[in-house]
Protein backbone atom coordinates (compact mmCIF):
# COMPACT_ATOMS: atom_id res chain seq x y z
CA MET A 1 -3.46 -32.49 -1.80
CA ASP A 2 -7.20 -32.40 -2.56
CA CYS A 3 -7.65 -28.76 -2.66
CA ILE A 4 -9.76 -27.36 -4.58
CA PHE A 5 -7.09 -23.65 -4.43
CA CYS A 6 -4.39 -25.37 -5.13
CA LYS A 7 -6.01 -27.23 -8.08
CA ILE A 8 -6.62 -23.81 -9.64
CA ILE A 9 -3.22 -22.52 -8.80
CA ARG A 10 -1.77 -26.08 -10.85
CA GLY A 11 -4.52 -25.22 -13.41
CA GLU A 12 -6.27 -28.66 -12.81
CA ILE A 13 -9.49 -26.60 -12.61
CA PRO A 14 -9.80 -23.37 -15.07
CA SER A 15 -10.37 -19.87 -13.67
CA TYR A 16 -10.81 -16.60 -14.56
CA LYS A 17 -7.63 -14.92 -13.36
CA ILE A 18 -7.40 -11.25 -12.53
CA TYR A 19 -3.90 -11.17 -10.93
CA GLU A 20 -1.13 -13.41 -10.30
CA ASP A 21 2.12 -13.08 -8.70
CA ASP A 22 5.10 -15.35 -7.36
CA MET A 23 3.73 -16.20 -4.21
CA THR A 24 -0.51 -14.82 -4.89
CA TYR A 25 -3.26 -15.89 -6.94
CA ALA A 26 -6.62 -13.61 -7.63
CA PHE A 27 -9.49 -15.02 -9.19
CA LEU A 28 -12.99 -14.18 -9.56
CA ASP A 29 -15.30 -16.01 -7.26
CA ILE A 30 -17.37 -18.53 -9.04
CA ALA A 31 -20.82 -18.27 -7.11
CA ASN A 32 -21.41 -15.07 -9.50
CA ASP A 33 -23.18 -13.41 -6.57
CA SER A 34 -21.60 -9.97 -7.12
CA TYR A 35 -19.97 -8.10 -10.22
CA GLY A 36 -16.64 -8.59 -9.67
CA HIS A 37 -16.24 -10.95 -6.54
CA THR A 38 -12.78 -11.50 -6.36
CA LEU A 39 -10.54 -14.08 -4.34
CA VAL A 40 -6.50 -13.71 -3.62
CA ILE A 41 -5.10 -16.72 -2.34
CA PRO A 42 -1.75 -17.43 -1.23
CA LYS A 43 -0.01 -20.05 -4.05
CA LYS A 44 1.53 -21.84 -1.07
CA HIS A 45 -0.98 -23.92 0.79
CA CYS A 46 -2.06 -22.69 4.34
CA VAL A 47 -5.28 -23.24 6.16
CA ASN A 48 -5.64 -19.63 7.16
CA VAL A 49 -4.32 -16.74 8.96
CA LEU A 50 -3.53 -18.51 12.03
CA ASP A 51 -1.31 -20.88 9.94
CA CYS A 52 0.00 -18.58 7.49
CA ASP A 53 3.97 -17.86 7.13
CA LYS A 54 4.01 -14.38 7.83
CA ASN A 55 5.88 -13.54 4.36
CA TYR A 56 3.03 -15.36 2.17
CA LEU A 57 0.40 -13.53 4.32
CA ALA A 58 1.63 -10.33 3.47
CA ALA A 59 2.37 -10.92 0.19
CA VAL A 60 -1.43 -11.62 0.27
CA MET A 61 -2.00 -8.70 1.71
CA ASN A 62 -0.43 -6.96 -0.85
CA THR A 63 -1.95 -8.44 -3.72
CA VAL A 64 -5.60 -7.24 -1.43
CA ARG A 65 -4.91 -3.82 -1.85
CA LYS A 66 -3.46 -3.56 -5.15
CA ILE A 67 -6.23 -5.38 -6.36
CA SER A 68 -8.95 -3.08 -4.47
CA ARG A 69 -6.51 0.06 -5.34
CA HIS A 70 -7.42 -0.79 -8.99
CA TYR A 71 -11.20 -1.11 -9.19
CA VAL A 72 -11.29 2.02 -7.08
CA GLU A 73 -8.89 3.73 -9.36
CA ASP A 74 -9.11 2.02 -12.52
CA CYS A 75 -12.53 0.43 -12.96
CA GLY A 76 -15.13 2.77 -11.49
CA PHE A 77 -15.49 1.31 -8.00
CA ASP A 78 -16.27 3.39 -4.64
CA GLY A 79 -14.90 1.43 -2.53
CA VAL A 80 -14.33 -2.24 -1.40
CA ASN A 81 -15.55 -5.07 1.50
CA VAL A 82 -12.46 -7.24 2.22
CA LEU A 83 -13.92 -9.88 3.91
CA ASN A 84 -11.63 -13.19 5.25
CA ALA A 85 -13.30 -16.27 7.68
CA SER A 86 -10.31 -18.20 9.68
CA GLY A 87 -11.79 -21.57 10.84
CA GLU A 88 -15.24 -23.50 10.93
CA SER A 89 -16.67 -21.42 13.63
CA ALA A 90 -15.95 -18.41 11.63
CA GLN A 91 -17.47 -20.00 8.45
CA GLN A 92 -14.80 -21.04 6.76
CA SER A 93 -15.55 -23.07 3.73
CA VAL A 94 -12.66 -24.00 2.10
CA PHE A 95 -9.61 -24.22 4.32
CA HIS A 96 -6.94 -22.69 1.79
CA LEU A 97 -6.35 -19.48 3.25
CA HIS A 98 -8.40 -16.77 1.15
CA PHE A 99 -9.54 -13.22 1.19
CA HIS A 100 -12.65 -11.91 -0.78
CA ILE A 101 -12.68 -8.35 -2.68
CA ILE A 102 -16.40 -7.10 -3.17
CA PRO A 103 -16.20 -4.03 -5.31
CA ARG A 104 -18.73 -1.72 -4.45
CA LYS A 105 -20.66 1.21 -5.51
CA LYS A 106 -23.09 3.77 -3.89
CA GLU A 107 -26.34 2.13 -3.79
CA ASP A 108 -25.75 -1.08 -5.23
CA GLY A 109 -27.98 -2.85 -2.38
CA ILE A 110 -25.18 -4.91 -1.53
CA ASP A 111 -25.84 -5.63 2.46
CA ILE A 112 -22.29 -7.22 4.06
CA TRP A 113 -23.09 -6.53 7.47
CA PRO A 114 -26.01 -7.80 8.59
CA LEU A 115 -27.79 -5.31 11.49
CA LYS A 116 -27.32 -7.44 14.60
CA ASP A 117 -28.76 -5.86 17.76
CA LYS A 118 -26.68 -4.17 20.51
CA LYS A 119 -25.27 -6.38 23.17
CA GLN A 120 -24.47 -5.09 26.76
CA LEU A 121 -20.87 -6.02 27.34
CA ASN A 122 -18.44 -5.18 29.64
CA LEU A 123 -15.82 -3.95 27.21
CA ALA A 124 -13.17 -3.05 30.38
CA ALA A 125 -13.75 -6.63 31.43
CA ILE A 126 -13.14 -7.73 27.67
CA CYS A 127 -10.21 -5.56 26.88
CA ASP A 128 -8.73 -7.16 30.25
CA GLU A 129 -9.00 -10.32 28.94
CA LEU A 130 -8.24 -10.09 25.28
CA LYS A 131 -5.06 -7.81 25.32
CA ILE A 132 -1.98 -8.86 24.80
């Protein structure tokens, strides 16, 4: 398989491992764009949340929580951003499920949520269309 994250899991590409268990692997993002930017992936290949086995997805989320708590409780961060992109239209760039953890400190200057103009949307109609 030519997936870069699968190659990292198999040890074919080096990584800065933060955490590993039987089902998940977490490592620093080589984008080097913010201190502690961490990726959490399942060890079993899946493309995104839409095709991931529920047990692997649960394991990934447990690892996201474990690392996030560690960063806040043990490493001096004030909070974290947890981000995921599922699908090309959502700007997913590596097609192996992954969650980003961005450790945050007050006034760190990182703007994860760009400001957008408010839209005039009919929330009741949208709810009727989207509810399960």
